[in-house]
Protein backbone atom coordinates (compact mmCIF):
# COMPACT_ATOMS: atom_id res chain seq x y z
CA MET A 1 0.01 -0.05 -0.02
CA SER A 2 1.30 3.24 -0.88
CA GLU A 3 1.86 5.89 1.88
CA ILE A 4 0.48 8.51 -0.47
CA VAL A 5 -2.64 6.59 -0.96
CA MET A 6 -3.10 6.13 2.82
CA GLU A 7 -2.44 9.84 3.47
CA LYS A 8 -4.87 10.98 1.10
CA ALA A 9 -7.43 8.55 2.70
CA THR A 10 -6.93 10.11 6.09
CA ARG A 11 -7.48 13.63 5.11
CA THR A 12 -10.41 15.90 5.73
CA ALA A 13 -11.95 18.40 3.62
CA ASP A 14 -9.55 21.13 4.60
CA GLY A 15 -6.32 18.89 4.07
CA THR A 16 -5.69 17.99 7.63
CA THR A 17 -5.94 14.57 9.22
CA ILE A 18 -8.20 13.89 12.13
CA LYS A 19 -5.27 12.78 14.05
CA GLU A 20 -3.61 16.04 13.46
CA ARG A 21 -6.69 18.04 14.52
CA MET A 22 -6.66 16.03 17.80
CA GLN A 23 -3.07 16.69 18.40
CA ASP A 24 -3.73 18.88 21.52
CA ILE A 25 -5.65 16.22 23.28
CA LEU A 26 -4.19 12.61 21.93
CA LEU A 27 -1.99 12.21 25.18
CA ASP A 28 -4.61 13.31 27.44
CA ILE A 29 -7.52 11.00 26.61
CA SER A 30 -7.95 7.21 27.27
CA TRP A 31 -8.57 6.33 23.68
CA ARG A 32 -9.24 2.61 24.90
CA ALA A 33 -11.90 3.85 27.13
CA LEU A 34 -13.60 5.96 24.40
CA ALA A 35 -13.33 3.26 21.82
CA ARG A 36 -14.77 0.98 24.11
CA ARG A 37 -17.60 3.00 25.70
CA TYR A 38 -18.66 4.89 22.57
CA PHE A 39 -17.79 2.37 19.65
CA GLY A 40 -17.69 -0.94 21.48
CA LYS A 41 -14.36 -1.56 19.93
CA SER A 42 -10.47 -2.16 20.81
CA SER A 43 -7.96 0.55 21.40
CA SER A 44 -6.09 -0.76 18.29
CA TRP A 45 -9.36 -0.25 16.27
CA ILE A 46 -9.58 3.54 17.08
CA TYR A 47 -5.71 4.04 16.69
CA HIS A 48 -5.80 2.35 13.28
CA LYS A 49 -8.86 4.57 12.20
CA MET A 50 -6.94 7.74 13.26
CA ASP A 51 -4.04 6.41 11.32
CA GLY A 52 -6.11 5.72 8.38
CA ILE A 53 -5.36 1.83 8.29
CA TYR A 54 -7.99 -0.89 9.41
CA SER A 55 -7.97 -4.58 8.26
CA GLY A 56 -5.15 -3.97 5.92
CA SER A 57 -6.92 -1.30 3.95
CA ASN A 58 -6.52 2.51 3.82
CA SER A 59 -9.83 3.35 5.54
CA GLY A 60 -9.90 6.09 8.23
CA PHE A 61 -13.16 7.15 9.95
CA THR A 62 -16.46 6.90 7.80
CA ALA A 63 -18.54 9.97 7.91
CA GLN A 64 -20.94 8.27 10.37
CA GLU A 65 -17.72 7.26 12.71
CA GLN A 66 -16.54 10.97 12.44
CA ALA A 67 -19.97 12.12 13.62
CA GLU A 68 -19.94 9.58 16.30
CA LEU A 69 -16.31 10.57 17.32
CA LYS A 70 -17.31 14.27 17.28
CA GLY A 71 -20.27 13.22 19.78
CA ALA A 72 -18.21 11.51 22.02
CA LEU A 73 -15.89 14.17 22.40
CA TYR A 74 -18.68 16.67 23.10
CA GLU A 75 -19.93 14.35 25.80
CA LEU A 76 -16.72 13.86 27.22
CA ALA A 77 -16.23 17.45 27.57
CA ASP A 78 -19.44 17.92 29.06
CA ARG A 79 -18.77 15.28 31.61
CA ILE A 80 -15.27 17.14 32.51
CA ARG A 81 -16.88 20.35 32.71
CA ARG A 82 -19.84 18.81 35.10
CA CYS A 83 -16.99 17.41 37.26
CA ALA A 84 -15.14 20.66 37.20
CA ASP A 85 -18.17 22.50 38.45
CA THR A 86 -18.48 20.26 41.61
CA LEU A 87 -15.07 21.29 42.86
C-alpha cells in the first residue's frame, strides 16, 4: 500500500488529518476507554482508524464514525465540565 494513498484517505476536507486535528488532546484521553464506551471497539481499532489503516486497507473514519467521534468528544467535554463545576 502506498503511503500517498493512505495519507490521502485520512485527510479531511481542509487537508488536515483527524489525528492532526486532535493533536492537542491525543495524550490526555484514554482512547481505549473512549473506543470501548462509544464504539464498542478496541483501542487498536481507534488508533488504526486515526492512522487511516483498518483491516489491511486504507480506511480512516467513515462519515458516520467521524460524527460519532465528534459526539463522544462533546459528551466527554460535558462530563469533564460537570465534574469541574463540583469542585
